[in-house]
């Protein structure tokens, strides 16, 4: 990954999880709006937000894994 410390990796993992949560909340809102109005734009935005959430989840997992590895190595980067 990069030369971040364990804390840096864990902070980035937390940020990615917050972004994932926001994406999932937007997805739910768009799905609800689509269910009420039938507007396909809302469904498309829900699909987009779902994809973004998956990306943020993957980023969080990668940062967390790297942080754990860094904690075991303890080499500072």
C-alpha atoms as a PDB file:
ATOM      1  CA  UNK A   1       0.000   0.000   0.000  1.00  0.00           C
ATOM      2  CA  UNK A   2       1.901   2.997   1.267  1.00  0.00           C
ATOM      3  CA  UNK A   3       4.237   4.110   3.981  1.00  0.00           C
ATOM      4  CA  UNK A   4       1.540   4.980   6.515  1.00  0.00           C
ATOM      5  CA  UNK A   5       1.660   4.091  10.175  1.00  0.00           C
ATOM      6  CA  UNK A   6      -0.788   1.706  11.793  1.00  0.00           C
ATOM      7  CA  UNK A   7      -2.778   4.665  13.116  1.00  0.00           C
ATOM      8  CA  UNK A   8      -2.855   6.253   9.662  1.00  0.00           C
ATOM      9  CA  UNK A   9      -4.163   3.070   8.093  1.00  0.00           C
ATOM     10  CA  UNK A  10      -6.798   2.640  10.792  1.00  0.00           C
ATOM     11  CA  UNK A  11      -7.896   6.265  10.433  1.00  0.00           C
ATOM     12  CA  UNK A  12      -8.258   5.820   6.676  1.00  0.00           C
ATOM     13  CA  UNK A  13     -10.223   2.603   7.255  1.00  0.00           C
ATOM     14  CA  UNK A  14     -12.585   4.466   9.592  1.00  0.00           C
ATOM     15  CA  UNK A  15     -13.043   7.275   7.067  1.00  0.00           C
ATOM     16  CA  UNK A  16     -13.858   4.758   4.334  1.00  0.00           C
ATOM     17  CA  UNK A  17     -16.441   3.090   6.617  1.00  0.00           C
ATOM     18  CA  UNK A  18     -18.086   6.475   7.276  1.00  0.00           C
ATOM     19  CA  UNK A  19     -18.207   7.101   3.526  1.00  0.00           C
ATOM     20  CA  UNK A  20     -19.663   3.627   3.003  1.00  0.00           C
ATOM     21  CA  UNK A  21     -22.391   4.379   5.540  1.00  0.00           C
ATOM     22  CA  UNK A  22     -23.219   7.654   3.822  1.00  0.00           C
ATOM     23  CA  UNK A  23     -23.383   5.893   0.449  1.00  0.00           C
ATOM     24  CA  UNK A  24     -25.719   3.239   1.855  1.00  0.00           C
ATOM     25  CA  UNK A  25     -27.963   5.908   3.407  1.00  0.00           C
ATOM     26  CA  UNK A  26     -28.184   7.737   0.062  1.00  0.00           C
ATOM     27  CA  UNK A  27     -28.901   4.431  -1.662  1.00  0.00           C
ATOM     28  CA  UNK A  28     -31.769   3.750   0.735  1.00  0.00           C
ATOM     29  CA  UNK A  29     -33.163   7.234   0.162  1.00  0.00           C
ATOM     30  CA  UNK A  30     -33.059   6.839  -3.600  1.00  0.00           C
ATOM     31  CA  UNK A  31     -34.659   3.393  -3.385  1.00  0.00           C
ATOM     32  CA  UNK A  32     -37.451   4.806  -1.230  1.00  0.00           C
ATOM     33  CA  UNK A  33     -37.972   7.690  -3.617  1.00  0.00           C
ATOM     34  CA  UNK A  34     -38.075   5.275  -6.558  1.00  0.00           C
ATOM     35  CA  UNK A  35     -40.632   3.125  -4.749  1.00  0.00           C
ATOM     36  CA  UNK A  36     -42.845   6.152  -4.142  1.00  0.00           C
ATOM     37  CA  UNK A  37     -42.475   7.961  -7.461  1.00  0.00           C
ATOM     38  CA  UNK A  38     -41.341   5.267  -9.877  1.00  0.00           C
ATOM     39  CA  UNK A  39     -38.701   7.677 -11.217  1.00  0.00           C
ATOM     40  CA  UNK A  40     -35.959   5.632 -12.881  1.00  0.00           C
ATOM     41  CA  UNK A  41     -33.428   8.378 -12.168  1.00  0.00           C
ATOM     42  CA  UNK A  42     -33.772   7.542  -8.473  1.00  0.00           C
ATOM     43  CA  UNK A  43     -33.173   3.852  -9.184  1.00  0.00           C
ATOM     44  CA  UNK A  44     -30.061   4.702 -11.239  1.00  0.00           C
ATOM     45  CA  UNK A  45     -28.731   6.886  -8.428  1.00  0.00           C
ATOM     46  CA  UNK A  46     -29.390   4.063  -5.940  1.00  0.00           C
ATOM     47  CA  UNK A  47     -27.376   1.669  -8.091  1.00  0.00           C
ATOM     48  CA  UNK A  48     -24.553   4.207  -8.303  1.00  0.00           C
ATOM     49  CA  UNK A  49     -24.555   4.737  -4.533  1.00  0.00           C
ATOM     50  CA  UNK A  50     -24.528   0.967  -3.999  1.00  0.00           C
ATOM     51  CA  UNK A  51     -21.434   0.672  -6.189  1.00  0.00           C
ATOM     52  CA  UNK A  52     -19.727   3.514  -4.312  1.00  0.00           C
ATOM     53  CA  UNK A  53     -20.507   1.797  -0.996  1.00  0.00           C
ATOM     54  CA  UNK A  54     -18.893  -1.405  -2.227  1.00  0.00           C
ATOM     55  CA  UNK A  55     -15.763   0.513  -3.245  1.00  0.00           C
ATOM     56  CA  UNK A  56     -15.564   2.252   0.131  1.00  0.00           C
ATOM     57  CA  UNK A  57     -16.035  -1.100   1.879  1.00  0.00           C
ATOM     58  CA  UNK A  58     -13.153  -2.582  -0.102  1.00  0.00           C
ATOM     59  CA  UNK A  59     -10.970   0.438   0.708  1.00  0.00           C
ATOM     60  CA  UNK A  60     -11.790   0.112   4.400  1.00  0.00           C
ATOM     61  CA  UNK A  61     -10.932  -3.576   4.418  1.00  0.00           C
ATOM     62  CA  UNK A  62      -7.653  -2.979   2.600  1.00  0.00           C
ATOM     63  CA  UNK A  63      -6.625  -0.153   4.950  1.00  0.00           C
ATOM     64  CA  UNK A  64      -7.573  -2.204   8.012  1.00  0.00           C
ATOM     65  CA  UNK A  65      -5.628  -5.218   6.779  1.00  0.00           C
ATOM     66  CA  UNK A  66      -2.603  -3.049   6.056  1.00  0.00           C
ATOM     67  CA  UNK A  67      -2.896  -1.457   9.491  1.00  0.00           C
ATOM     68  CA  UNK A  68      -2.948  -4.879  11.139  1.00  0.00           C
ATOM     69  CA  UNK A  69       0.079  -5.940   9.109  1.00  0.00           C
ATOM     70  CA  UNK A  70       1.864  -2.758  10.072  1.00  0.00           C
ATOM     71  CA  UNK A  71       1.065  -3.334  13.751  1.00  0.00           C
ATOM     72  CA  UNK A  72       2.635  -6.803  13.552  1.00  0.00           C
ATOM     73  CA  UNK A  73       5.694  -5.647  11.584  1.00  0.00           C
ATOM     74  CA  UNK A  74       6.252  -2.557  13.639  1.00  0.00           C
ATOM     75  CA  UNK A  75       8.754  -1.270  11.093  1.00  0.00           C
ATOM     76  CA  UNK A  76       7.099   2.148  10.893  1.00  0.00           C
ATOM     77  CA  UNK A  77       5.978   1.888   7.268  1.00  0.00           C
END
